[in-house]
C-alpha cells in the first residue's frame, strides 16, 4: 500500500518521502533519476513524459521542480532500489490498516527490526530461537539509519549529475562555436588565395 499521509514521527516521514514516487505516491519501483536529480518510478515518469510530448517536444518539465529534462536520459538508480526494498521491510507503510502493523504470527505490535533477517519483528519474536541471537534495533532507530544511507546514496549521484550536465553544456558550447565558424565565415575559407589554380578547369 502507498506510504501516504499519516501521523508519523519526523524521521519516518522523511524516510517515506525519499522512498516515495511523487507521481503515483507509492514506493519507488525501478527508480530512475532525471537531469535535475529527482527520482521517479520508471513507468510513472515514462508515462508522464509521453503525455506531455506533443506540447513540449523533446524536453519535459520535472513533476516536482519543473526543471526541463530529456525523456531519453533516464538513469537507473540501483542504490536507491536496494534502499527502498530495505525500507519496505521496516513496515513503514502508514496507509495500511492498524492490524497490518501487528506481527502476523503473534499479533503483537512490530517494534523491532532484525538486522540479520532484514524484517520487522515483535517482542515475542525477539525471544524466539529464530531471532534470539540476532542483532535488533528499535524500528525508529533503523529508520534513521536508512535515512542516512538514503542521503549518502543520493548525494554522490546528484554530484555526478551536476558534472555530467556541466560537461554536456561545455560540449554543446563547443559545437555551437564550431557551427558559427563554419557558417558565419564561409567566404574566408573560400577566398581566392585558398582556391586551387586548376579549380576552374
N, C-alpha and C. Protein backbone atom coordinates (compact mmCIF):
# COMPACT_ATOMS: atom_id res chain seq x y z
N UNK A 1 0.84 -1.20 0.00
CA UNK A 1 0.00 0.00 0.00
C UNK A 1 0.87 1.25 0.00
N UNK A 2 0.35 2.37 -0.47
CA UNK A 2 1.15 3.58 -0.60
C UNK A 2 1.55 4.17 0.73
N UNK A 3 2.75 4.73 0.83
CA UNK A 3 3.20 5.38 2.04
C UNK A 3 2.64 6.79 2.11
N UNK A 4 1.32 6.92 2.26
CA UNK A 4 0.69 8.23 2.23
C UNK A 4 0.51 8.80 3.62
N UNK A 5 -0.04 9.98 3.67
CA UNK A 5 -0.03 10.81 4.86
C UNK A 5 -0.72 10.21 6.07
N UNK A 6 0.07 9.98 7.08
CA UNK A 6 -0.44 9.54 8.36
C UNK A 6 0.44 10.18 9.41
N UNK A 7 -0.01 10.20 10.63
CA UNK A 7 0.80 10.77 11.69
C UNK A 7 1.99 9.86 11.96
N UNK A 8 3.17 10.37 11.66
CA UNK A 8 4.40 9.62 11.88
C UNK A 8 5.42 10.57 12.45
N UNK A 9 6.43 10.03 13.12
CA UNK A 9 7.47 10.91 13.63
C UNK A 9 8.26 11.47 12.45
N UNK A 10 8.98 12.59 12.64
CA UNK A 10 9.67 13.25 11.54
C UNK A 10 10.65 12.35 10.79
N UNK A 11 11.33 11.46 11.50
CA UNK A 11 12.30 10.58 10.85
C UNK A 11 11.60 9.65 9.88
N UNK A 12 10.55 8.98 10.35
CA UNK A 12 9.80 8.06 9.49
C UNK A 12 9.19 8.79 8.31
N UNK A 13 8.67 10.00 8.56
CA UNK A 13 8.04 10.76 7.49
C UNK A 13 9.06 11.12 6.41
N UNK A 14 10.27 11.52 6.84
CA UNK A 14 11.30 11.90 5.87
C UNK A 14 11.76 10.70 5.06
N UNK A 15 11.92 9.55 5.72
CA UNK A 15 12.32 8.33 5.02
C UNK A 15 11.28 7.97 3.96
N UNK A 16 10.01 8.07 4.33
CA UNK A 16 8.93 7.75 3.40
C UNK A 16 8.93 8.70 2.20
N UNK A 17 9.19 9.98 2.46
CA UNK A 17 9.22 10.96 1.37
C UNK A 17 10.31 10.63 0.37
N UNK A 18 11.50 10.28 0.87
CA UNK A 18 12.63 9.98 -0.01
C UNK A 18 12.41 8.71 -0.82
N UNK A 19 11.64 7.78 -0.25
CA UNK A 19 11.45 6.48 -0.91
C UNK A 19 10.17 6.42 -1.74
N UNK A 20 9.45 7.54 -1.82
CA UNK A 20 8.15 7.57 -2.50
C UNK A 20 8.22 8.31 -3.83
N UNK A 21 7.55 7.78 -4.82
CA UNK A 21 7.43 8.45 -6.13
C UNK A 21 6.37 9.54 -6.00
N UNK A 22 6.70 10.76 -6.37
CA UNK A 22 5.75 11.86 -6.22
C UNK A 22 4.64 11.84 -7.27
N UNK A 23 4.73 10.93 -8.23
CA UNK A 23 3.68 10.82 -9.25
C UNK A 23 2.59 9.85 -8.80
N UNK A 24 2.99 8.63 -8.43
CA UNK A 24 1.99 7.62 -8.03
C UNK A 24 1.78 7.55 -6.53
N UNK A 25 2.69 8.21 -5.76
CA UNK A 25 2.62 8.21 -4.30
C UNK A 25 2.78 6.80 -3.71
N UNK A 26 3.43 5.92 -4.46
CA UNK A 26 3.77 4.58 -3.98
C UNK A 26 5.28 4.53 -3.76
N UNK A 27 5.73 3.43 -3.15
CA UNK A 27 7.17 3.24 -3.06
C UNK A 27 7.76 3.19 -4.47
N UNK A 28 8.97 3.73 -4.62
CA UNK A 28 9.64 3.76 -5.92
C UNK A 28 9.85 2.34 -6.47
N UNK A 29 9.46 2.14 -7.72
CA UNK A 29 9.65 0.86 -8.40
C UNK A 29 10.53 1.11 -9.62
N UNK A 30 11.63 0.38 -9.72
CA UNK A 30 12.63 0.63 -10.78
C UNK A 30 12.95 2.13 -10.83
N UNK A 31 13.42 2.71 -9.72
CA UNK A 31 13.67 4.15 -9.69
C UNK A 31 14.70 4.61 -10.72
N UNK A 32 14.39 5.73 -11.36
CA UNK A 32 15.32 6.36 -12.29
C UNK A 32 15.48 7.82 -11.89
N UNK A 33 16.63 8.37 -12.21
CA UNK A 33 16.94 9.76 -11.88
C UNK A 33 16.93 10.58 -13.16
N UNK A 34 16.31 11.76 -13.11
CA UNK A 34 16.29 12.63 -14.29
C UNK A 34 17.32 13.74 -14.12
N UNK A 35 17.43 14.62 -15.11
CA UNK A 35 18.51 15.61 -15.16
C UNK A 35 18.63 16.47 -13.91
N UNK A 36 17.50 16.82 -13.28
CA UNK A 36 17.54 17.71 -12.12
C UNK A 36 17.89 16.98 -10.83
N UNK A 37 17.93 15.65 -10.85
CA UNK A 37 18.29 14.88 -9.66
C UNK A 37 17.13 14.23 -8.94
N UNK A 38 15.90 14.51 -9.34
CA UNK A 38 14.75 13.88 -8.69
C UNK A 38 14.56 12.46 -9.21
N UNK A 39 13.96 11.63 -8.35
CA UNK A 39 13.77 10.21 -8.67
C UNK A 39 12.29 9.86 -8.81
N UNK A 40 11.99 8.97 -9.76
CA UNK A 40 10.62 8.54 -10.01
C UNK A 40 10.62 7.07 -10.43
N UNK A 41 9.45 6.43 -10.35
CA UNK A 41 9.32 5.09 -10.92
C UNK A 41 9.54 5.21 -12.43
N UNK A 42 10.21 4.25 -13.02
CA UNK A 42 10.45 4.30 -14.47
C UNK A 42 9.14 4.40 -15.24
N UNK A 43 8.16 3.56 -14.88
CA UNK A 43 6.89 3.55 -15.60
C UNK A 43 6.16 4.88 -15.44
N UNK A 44 6.21 5.46 -14.23
CA UNK A 44 5.49 6.71 -13.97
C UNK A 44 6.05 7.87 -14.79
N UNK A 45 7.38 8.04 -14.75
CA UNK A 45 7.97 9.18 -15.44
C UNK A 45 7.91 8.99 -16.96
N UNK A 46 7.93 7.73 -17.43
CA UNK A 46 7.80 7.46 -18.86
C UNK A 46 6.41 7.85 -19.35
N UNK A 47 5.39 7.43 -18.60
CA UNK A 47 4.02 7.77 -18.97
C UNK A 47 3.79 9.28 -18.89
N UNK A 48 4.32 9.89 -17.84
CA UNK A 48 4.21 11.34 -17.67
C UNK A 48 4.83 12.06 -18.87
N UNK A 49 6.01 11.61 -19.31
CA UNK A 49 6.70 12.24 -20.44
C UNK A 49 5.92 12.09 -21.74
N UNK A 50 5.37 10.89 -21.96
CA UNK A 50 4.62 10.63 -23.19
C UNK A 50 3.36 11.49 -23.26
N UNK A 51 2.73 11.74 -22.13
CA UNK A 51 1.52 12.55 -22.12
C UNK A 51 1.80 14.01 -22.45
N UNK A 52 3.03 14.46 -22.18
CA UNK A 52 3.37 15.86 -22.41
C UNK A 52 4.23 16.08 -23.65
N UNK A 53 4.54 15.03 -24.37
CA UNK A 53 5.41 15.13 -25.54
C UNK A 53 4.89 16.10 -26.60
N UNK A 54 3.61 16.08 -26.97
CA UNK A 54 3.15 16.97 -28.04
C UNK A 54 3.32 18.45 -27.73
N UNK A 55 3.20 18.82 -26.45
CA UNK A 55 3.23 20.24 -26.12
C UNK A 55 4.63 20.77 -25.84
N UNK A 56 5.61 19.90 -25.58
CA UNK A 56 6.91 20.41 -25.20
C UNK A 56 8.09 19.76 -25.92
N UNK A 57 7.85 18.99 -26.96
CA UNK A 57 8.93 18.44 -27.75
C UNK A 57 9.75 17.42 -26.99
N UNK A 58 11.09 17.51 -27.12
CA UNK A 58 11.95 16.50 -26.50
C UNK A 58 12.16 16.74 -25.02
N UNK A 59 11.93 17.95 -24.54
CA UNK A 59 12.13 18.25 -23.12
C UNK A 59 10.79 18.38 -22.40
N UNK A 60 10.77 17.86 -21.17
CA UNK A 60 9.55 17.82 -20.37
C UNK A 60 9.85 18.43 -19.01
N UNK A 61 8.92 19.18 -18.38
CA UNK A 61 9.18 19.74 -17.06
C UNK A 61 9.11 18.67 -15.97
N UNK A 62 10.04 18.71 -15.04
CA UNK A 62 10.04 17.78 -13.90
C UNK A 62 8.75 17.95 -13.10
N UNK A 63 8.10 16.86 -12.70
CA UNK A 63 6.85 16.96 -11.93
C UNK A 63 7.02 17.67 -10.59
N UNK A 64 8.26 17.70 -10.07
CA UNK A 64 8.48 18.31 -8.76
C UNK A 64 8.97 19.74 -8.85
N UNK A 65 10.06 19.97 -9.61
CA UNK A 65 10.66 21.31 -9.62
C UNK A 65 10.43 22.06 -10.93
N UNK A 66 9.82 21.40 -11.92
CA UNK A 66 9.52 21.99 -13.23
C UNK A 66 10.75 22.25 -14.10
N UNK A 67 11.92 21.83 -13.66
CA UNK A 67 13.12 21.98 -14.50
C UNK A 67 13.00 21.04 -15.70
N UNK A 68 13.37 21.49 -16.90
CA UNK A 68 13.24 20.64 -18.09
C UNK A 68 14.22 19.47 -18.08
N UNK A 69 13.79 18.33 -18.58
CA UNK A 69 14.68 17.18 -18.69
C UNK A 69 14.36 16.45 -19.99
N UNK A 70 15.33 15.70 -20.48
CA UNK A 70 15.14 14.91 -21.70
C UNK A 70 14.65 13.52 -21.32
N UNK A 71 13.54 13.13 -21.90
CA UNK A 71 12.92 11.85 -21.52
C UNK A 71 13.76 10.65 -21.95
N UNK A 72 14.72 10.89 -22.85
CA UNK A 72 15.59 9.78 -23.26
C UNK A 72 16.70 9.52 -22.25
N UNK A 73 16.90 10.46 -21.32
CA UNK A 73 18.01 10.34 -20.37
C UNK A 73 17.51 9.98 -18.97
N UNK A 74 16.95 8.79 -18.84
CA UNK A 74 16.51 8.29 -17.53
C UNK A 74 17.60 7.37 -17.00
N UNK A 75 18.20 7.74 -15.87
CA UNK A 75 19.32 6.98 -15.33
C UNK A 75 18.85 6.02 -14.24
N UNK A 76 19.01 4.72 -14.41
CA UNK A 76 18.61 3.76 -13.38
C UNK A 76 19.38 4.02 -12.09
N UNK A 77 18.69 3.96 -10.95
CA UNK A 77 19.32 4.21 -9.65
C UNK A 77 19.26 2.92 -8.83
N UNK A 78 20.25 2.06 -9.03
CA UNK A 78 20.25 0.75 -8.36
C UNK A 78 20.45 0.86 -6.86
N UNK A 79 21.23 1.85 -6.42
CA UNK A 79 21.43 2.05 -4.99
C UNK A 79 20.10 2.35 -4.31
N UNK A 80 19.33 3.21 -4.92
CA UNK A 80 18.04 3.58 -4.35
C UNK A 80 17.08 2.39 -4.36
N UNK A 81 17.17 1.55 -5.38
CA UNK A 81 16.33 0.36 -5.45
C UNK A 81 16.54 -0.52 -4.22
N UNK A 82 17.81 -0.77 -3.89
CA UNK A 82 18.13 -1.61 -2.74
C UNK A 82 17.65 -0.99 -1.43
N UNK A 83 17.84 0.32 -1.30
CA UNK A 83 17.44 1.00 -0.07
C UNK A 83 15.93 0.98 0.10
N UNK A 84 15.19 1.21 -0.98
CA UNK A 84 13.73 1.19 -0.90
C UNK A 84 13.24 -0.19 -0.47
N UNK A 85 13.86 -1.24 -0.99
CA UNK A 85 13.46 -2.60 -0.61
C UNK A 85 13.66 -2.82 0.88
N UNK A 86 14.75 -2.29 1.42
CA UNK A 86 15.00 -2.45 2.86
C UNK A 86 14.05 -1.59 3.69
N UNK A 87 13.70 -0.42 3.18
CA UNK A 87 12.75 0.44 3.89
C UNK A 87 11.38 -0.23 3.96
N UNK A 88 11.01 -0.92 2.89
CA UNK A 88 9.73 -1.64 2.90
C UNK A 88 9.68 -2.64 4.04
N UNK A 89 10.82 -3.27 4.31
CA UNK A 89 10.86 -4.29 5.36
C UNK A 89 10.73 -3.69 6.76
N UNK A 90 10.90 -2.37 6.86
CA UNK A 90 10.69 -1.72 8.16
C UNK A 90 9.21 -1.59 8.48
N UNK A 91 8.39 -1.90 7.49
CA UNK A 91 6.93 -1.80 7.64
C UNK A 91 6.49 -0.35 7.87
N UNK A 92 7.20 0.60 7.28
CA UNK A 92 6.79 1.99 7.39
C UNK A 92 5.76 2.27 6.31
N UNK A 93 4.59 1.69 6.46
CA UNK A 93 3.54 1.82 5.46
C UNK A 93 2.30 2.40 6.13
N UNK A 94 2.27 3.72 6.30
CA UNK A 94 1.18 4.35 7.03
C UNK A 94 -0.18 4.17 6.41
N UNK A 95 -0.24 3.79 5.13
CA UNK A 95 -1.55 3.59 4.52
C UNK A 95 -2.20 2.29 4.94
N UNK A 96 -1.47 1.41 5.58
CA UNK A 96 -2.02 0.12 5.98
C UNK A 96 -2.96 0.27 7.17
N UNK A 97 -3.89 -0.66 7.26
CA UNK A 97 -4.77 -0.70 8.42
C UNK A 97 -3.95 -1.02 9.65
N UNK A 98 -4.48 -0.65 10.82
CA UNK A 98 -3.74 -0.84 12.05
C UNK A 98 -3.33 -2.30 12.25
N UNK A 99 -4.19 -3.24 11.88
CA UNK A 99 -3.89 -4.65 12.10
C UNK A 99 -2.67 -5.09 11.32
N UNK A 100 -2.36 -4.37 10.23
CA UNK A 100 -1.21 -4.74 9.42
C UNK A 100 0.09 -4.37 10.12
N UNK A 101 0.04 -3.56 11.19
CA UNK A 101 1.23 -3.20 11.94
C UNK A 101 1.52 -4.22 13.03
N UNK A 102 0.74 -5.28 13.06
CA UNK A 102 0.92 -6.33 14.06
C UNK A 102 1.67 -7.51 13.45
N UNK A 103 2.40 -8.21 14.29
CA UNK A 103 3.10 -9.42 13.87
C UNK A 103 2.07 -10.45 13.41
N UNK A 104 2.26 -10.98 12.22
CA UNK A 104 1.30 -11.95 11.68
C UNK A 104 1.28 -13.24 12.49
N UNK A 105 2.41 -13.56 13.12
CA UNK A 105 2.49 -14.81 13.88
C UNK A 105 1.95 -14.67 15.31
N UNK A 106 2.29 -13.54 15.97
CA UNK A 106 1.94 -13.40 17.39
C UNK A 106 0.89 -12.31 17.66
N UNK A 107 0.50 -11.55 16.64
CA UNK A 107 -0.48 -10.47 16.79
C UNK A 107 -0.03 -9.43 17.81
N UNK A 108 1.28 -9.25 17.91
CA UNK A 108 1.86 -8.22 18.78
C UNK A 108 2.37 -7.07 17.90
N UNK A 109 2.50 -5.90 18.49
CA UNK A 109 2.96 -4.73 17.74
C UNK A 109 4.40 -4.93 17.27
N UNK A 110 4.66 -4.56 16.03
CA UNK A 110 6.01 -4.65 15.47
C UNK A 110 6.83 -3.45 15.97
N UNK A 111 7.79 -3.72 16.84
CA UNK A 111 8.55 -2.64 17.45
C UNK A 111 10.05 -2.69 17.14
N UNK A 112 10.52 -3.84 16.65
CA UNK A 112 11.95 -4.02 16.44
C UNK A 112 12.25 -4.37 14.98
N UNK A 113 13.51 -4.18 14.61
CA UNK A 113 13.95 -4.53 13.26
C UNK A 113 15.16 -5.45 13.38
N UNK A 114 15.04 -6.66 12.85
CA UNK A 114 16.13 -7.64 12.88
C UNK A 114 17.11 -7.32 11.76
N UNK A 115 18.34 -6.97 12.13
CA UNK A 115 19.33 -6.57 11.13
C UNK A 115 19.79 -7.74 10.26
N UNK A 116 19.79 -8.95 10.82
CA UNK A 116 20.25 -10.10 10.05
C UNK A 116 19.22 -10.56 9.03
N UNK A 117 17.95 -10.61 9.44
CA UNK A 117 16.89 -11.08 8.53
C UNK A 117 16.23 -9.94 7.77
N UNK A 118 16.58 -8.69 8.12
CA UNK A 118 16.03 -7.51 7.45
C UNK A 118 14.51 -7.52 7.47
N UNK A 119 13.94 -7.65 8.66
CA UNK A 119 12.49 -7.63 8.78
C UNK A 119 12.07 -7.09 10.13
N UNK A 120 10.85 -6.54 10.17
CA UNK A 120 10.29 -6.03 11.41
C UNK A 120 9.77 -7.20 12.24
N UNK A 121 10.02 -7.16 13.55
CA UNK A 121 9.58 -8.24 14.42
C UNK A 121 8.96 -7.66 15.69
N UNK A 122 8.24 -8.52 16.43
CA UNK A 122 7.65 -8.10 17.70
C UNK A 122 8.54 -8.57 18.85
N UNK A 123 8.16 -8.23 20.08
CA UNK A 123 8.96 -8.60 21.24
C UNK A 123 8.97 -10.12 21.46
N UNK A 124 7.88 -10.78 21.10
CA UNK A 124 7.83 -12.23 21.23
C UNK A 124 8.79 -12.88 20.23
N UNK A 125 8.81 -12.36 19.02
CA UNK A 125 9.75 -12.86 18.00
C UNK A 125 11.19 -12.71 18.50
N UNK A 126 11.45 -11.59 19.16
CA UNK A 126 12.81 -11.30 19.65
C UNK A 126 13.32 -12.40 20.56
N UNK A 127 12.43 -12.98 21.36
CA UNK A 127 12.83 -14.02 22.32
C UNK A 127 12.79 -15.42 21.72
N UNK A 128 12.33 -15.52 20.49
CA UNK A 128 12.26 -16.85 19.86
C UNK A 128 13.64 -17.30 19.39
N UNK A 129 13.78 -18.59 19.15
CA UNK A 129 15.07 -19.13 18.70
C UNK A 129 15.48 -18.55 17.34
N UNK A 130 14.50 -18.17 16.55
CA UNK A 130 14.79 -17.65 15.20
C UNK A 130 15.54 -16.32 15.24
N UNK A 131 15.31 -15.52 16.30
CA UNK A 131 15.91 -14.18 16.35
C UNK A 131 16.73 -13.91 17.60
N UNK A 132 16.74 -14.86 18.55
CA UNK A 132 17.37 -14.61 19.84
C UNK A 132 18.84 -14.18 19.71
N UNK A 133 19.56 -14.77 18.78
CA UNK A 133 20.99 -14.47 18.63
C UNK A 133 21.27 -13.35 17.63
N UNK A 134 20.23 -12.75 17.09
CA UNK A 134 20.41 -11.71 16.08
C UNK A 134 20.46 -10.31 16.69
N UNK A 135 21.16 -9.42 16.01
CA UNK A 135 21.18 -8.02 16.43
C UNK A 135 19.89 -7.35 15.99
N UNK A 136 19.25 -6.61 16.90
CA UNK A 136 18.00 -5.93 16.57
C UNK A 136 18.08 -4.46 16.96
N UNK A 137 17.25 -3.66 16.34
CA UNK A 137 17.16 -2.22 16.62
C UNK A 137 15.70 -1.84 16.77
N UNK A 138 15.41 -0.79 17.55
CA UNK A 138 14.05 -0.24 17.52
C UNK A 138 13.75 0.22 16.10
N UNK A 139 12.53 0.07 15.66
CA UNK A 139 12.18 0.41 14.28
C UNK A 139 12.53 1.86 13.95
N UNK A 140 12.30 2.78 14.88
CA UNK A 140 12.59 4.19 14.61
C UNK A 140 14.08 4.41 14.39
N UNK A 141 14.90 3.70 15.16
CA UNK A 141 16.35 3.83 15.00
C UNK A 141 16.80 3.26 13.66
N UNK A 142 16.20 2.14 13.27
CA UNK A 142 16.52 1.55 11.96
C UNK A 142 16.11 2.50 10.84
N UNK A 143 14.98 3.16 11.01
CA UNK A 143 14.51 4.12 10.01
C UNK A 143 15.50 5.27 9.87
N UNK A 144 16.05 5.71 11.00
CA UNK A 144 17.04 6.79 10.97
C UNK A 144 18.30 6.34 10.23
N UNK A 145 18.72 5.10 10.47
CA UNK A 145 19.89 4.56 9.76
C UNK A 145 19.67 4.57 8.25
N UNK A 146 18.48 4.17 7.83
CA UNK A 146 18.20 4.12 6.39
C UNK A 146 18.05 5.51 5.80
N UNK A 147 17.64 6.45 6.63
CA UNK A 147 17.57 7.84 6.16
C UNK A 147 18.99 8.32 5.83
N UNK A 148 19.94 8.01 6.71
CA UNK A 148 21.34 8.40 6.48
C UNK A 148 21.88 7.71 5.23
N UNK A 149 21.60 6.40 5.09
CA UNK A 149 22.06 5.66 3.91
C UNK A 149 21.46 6.22 2.63
N UNK A 150 20.19 6.61 2.71
CA UNK A 150 19.50 7.15 1.55
C UNK A 150 20.14 8.45 1.10
N UNK A 151 20.43 9.31 2.07
CA UNK A 151 21.08 10.58 1.73
C UNK A 151 22.48 10.33 1.17
N UNK A 152 23.18 9.35 1.75
CA UNK A 152 24.52 9.03 1.27
C UNK A 152 24.51 8.52 -0.16
N UNK A 153 23.47 7.78 -0.51
CA UNK A 153 23.37 7.24 -1.87
C UNK A 153 23.00 8.32 -2.87
N UNK A 154 22.13 9.24 -2.46
CA UNK A 154 21.66 10.27 -3.38
C UNK A 154 22.68 11.38 -3.58
N UNK A 155 23.49 11.67 -2.54
CA UNK A 155 24.46 12.76 -2.63
C UNK A 155 25.43 12.61 -3.78
N UNK A 156 26.20 11.51 -3.84
CA UNK A 156 27.15 11.33 -4.94
C UNK A 156 26.48 11.31 -6.31
N UNK A 157 25.28 10.74 -6.37
CA UNK A 157 24.57 10.66 -7.64
C UNK A 157 24.22 12.06 -8.15
N UNK A 158 23.76 12.92 -7.23
CA UNK A 158 23.44 14.29 -7.64
C UNK A 158 24.69 15.04 -8.09
N UNK A 159 25.81 14.76 -7.42
CA UNK A 159 27.07 15.41 -7.82
C UNK A 159 27.47 14.96 -9.22
N UNK A 160 27.32 13.65 -9.49
CA UNK A 160 27.64 13.12 -10.82
C UNK A 160 26.74 13.74 -11.88
N UNK A 161 25.47 13.92 -11.53
CA UNK A 161 24.54 14.54 -12.48
C UNK A 161 24.97 15.96 -12.81
N UNK A 162 25.38 16.71 -11.78
CA UNK A 162 25.82 18.09 -12.00
C UNK A 162 27.05 18.12 -12.91
N UNK A 163 27.98 17.19 -12.68
CA UNK A 163 29.19 17.14 -13.51
C UNK A 163 28.85 16.78 -14.95
N UNK A 164 27.92 15.83 -15.13
CA UNK A 164 27.50 15.43 -16.48
C UNK A 164 26.83 16.58 -17.21
N UNK A 165 25.97 17.31 -16.48
CA UNK A 165 25.27 18.44 -17.09
C UNK A 165 26.26 19.54 -17.48
N UNK A 166 27.26 19.78 -16.61
CA UNK A 166 28.27 20.80 -16.91
C UNK A 166 29.08 20.40 -18.14
N UNK A 167 29.43 19.12 -18.22
CA UNK A 167 30.20 18.63 -19.38
C UNK A 167 29.37 18.72 -20.65
N UNK A 168 28.08 18.35 -20.55
CA UNK A 168 27.20 18.42 -21.72
C UNK A 168 27.06 19.86 -22.20
N UNK A 169 26.95 20.79 -21.25
CA UNK A 169 26.83 22.21 -21.59
C UNK A 169 28.10 22.70 -22.29
N UNK A 170 29.25 22.25 -21.78
CA UNK A 170 30.53 22.64 -22.36
C UNK A 170 30.67 22.12 -23.79
N UNK A 171 30.28 20.86 -24.00
CA UNK A 171 30.37 20.27 -25.34
C UNK A 171 29.40 20.94 -26.31
N UNK A 172 28.22 21.29 -25.78
CA UNK A 172 27.23 21.97 -26.62
C UNK A 172 27.75 23.34 -27.06
N UNK A 173 28.44 24.02 -26.13
CA UNK A 173 29.01 25.33 -26.45
C UNK A 173 30.08 25.19 -27.53
N UNK A 174 30.92 24.14 -27.42
CA UNK A 174 31.96 23.92 -28.42
C UNK A 174 31.35 23.66 -29.80
N UNK A 175 30.28 22.86 -29.81
CA UNK A 175 29.60 22.54 -31.07
C UNK A 175 29.03 23.80 -31.71
N UNK A 176 28.42 24.64 -30.87
CA UNK A 176 27.84 25.89 -31.37
C UNK A 176 28.92 26.79 -31.96
N UNK A 177 30.06 26.90 -31.26
CA UNK A 177 31.16 27.74 -31.74
C UNK A 177 31.70 27.21 -33.07
N UNK A 178 31.77 25.87 -33.18
CA UNK A 178 32.25 25.28 -34.43
C UNK A 178 31.29 25.58 -35.57
N UNK A 179 29.98 25.47 -35.30
CA UNK A 179 28.99 25.74 -36.34
C UNK A 179 29.05 27.20 -36.78
N UNK A 180 29.26 28.09 -35.82
CA UNK A 180 29.38 29.52 -36.15
C UNK A 180 30.59 29.73 -37.06
N UNK A 181 31.69 29.05 -36.73
CA UNK A 181 32.90 29.18 -37.54
C UNK A 181 32.71 28.69 -38.97
N UNK A 182 31.87 27.66 -39.13
CA UNK A 182 31.64 27.09 -40.46
C UNK A 182 30.69 27.94 -41.28
N UNK A 183 29.59 28.41 -40.64
CA UNK A 183 28.53 29.07 -41.40
C UNK A 183 28.64 30.59 -41.47
N UNK A 184 29.28 31.20 -40.49
CA UNK A 184 29.34 32.66 -40.50
C UNK A 184 30.49 33.17 -41.35
N UNK A 185 31.56 32.36 -41.46
CA UNK A 185 32.72 32.82 -42.21
C UNK A 185 33.05 31.92 -43.40
N UNK A 186 32.08 31.59 -44.24
CA UNK A 186 32.39 30.71 -45.39
C UNK A 186 33.27 31.40 -46.41
N UNK A 187 33.14 32.73 -46.51
CA UNK A 187 33.91 33.46 -47.52
C UNK A 187 35.40 33.37 -47.25
N UNK A 188 35.76 33.30 -45.93
CA UNK A 188 37.18 33.23 -45.59
C UNK A 188 37.78 31.90 -46.03
N UNK A 189 36.99 30.83 -45.88
CA UNK A 189 37.51 29.51 -46.25
C UNK A 189 37.56 29.33 -47.76
N UNK A 190 36.81 30.18 -48.49
CA UNK A 190 36.79 30.08 -49.95
C UNK A 190 37.38 31.32 -50.60
N UNK A 191 38.35 31.95 -49.96
CA UNK A 191 38.99 33.14 -50.51
C UNK A 191 39.80 32.75 -51.75
N UNK A 192 40.06 33.72 -52.65
CA UNK A 192 40.80 33.41 -53.88
C UNK A 192 42.13 32.72 -53.62
N UNK A 193 42.78 33.09 -52.52
CA UNK A 193 44.09 32.51 -52.22
C UNK A 193 43.99 31.02 -51.90
N UNK A 194 42.82 30.62 -51.40
CA UNK A 194 42.69 29.22 -50.97
C UNK A 194 42.14 28.32 -52.06
N UNK A 195 41.68 28.92 -53.20
CA UNK A 195 41.11 28.11 -54.28
C UNK A 195 42.23 27.60 -55.18
N UNK A 196 42.32 26.32 -55.44
CA UNK A 196 43.38 25.77 -56.31
C UNK A 196 43.32 26.40 -57.70
N UNK A 197 44.50 26.55 -58.34
CA UNK A 197 44.56 27.19 -59.65
C UNK A 197 43.80 26.42 -60.71
N UNK A 198 43.74 25.11 -60.59
CA UNK A 198 43.06 24.31 -61.60
C UNK A 198 41.60 24.06 -61.26
N UNK A 199 41.05 24.85 -60.28
CA UNK A 199 39.67 24.62 -59.85
C UNK A 199 38.70 24.92 -60.96
N UNK A 200 39.08 25.88 -61.84
CA UNK A 200 38.15 26.24 -62.89
C UNK A 200 38.28 25.38 -64.12
N UNK A 201 39.24 24.47 -64.17
CA UNK A 201 39.46 23.65 -65.36
C UNK A 201 38.56 22.44 -65.37
